[in-house]
């Protein structure tokens, strides 16, 4: 995993603005957010699920 920056709105903006490591962006992959054409890439769902599952298992 690598750190990235994004310009979208998130509650993570509050924690990261004070220097706290913040994990964000674990949602679905898609485009046209908050518009009538908003959509997700169903084909990417298994990859996102695998990432989240791996991260949860590492917490144990």
Foldseek 3Di string as FASTA:
>chain_A
DDDDDDDDDDPQCVQVVVPHDDDDDLDFAWDPPPDPPTDGDPVCVVVSVVVVVVVVVVVD
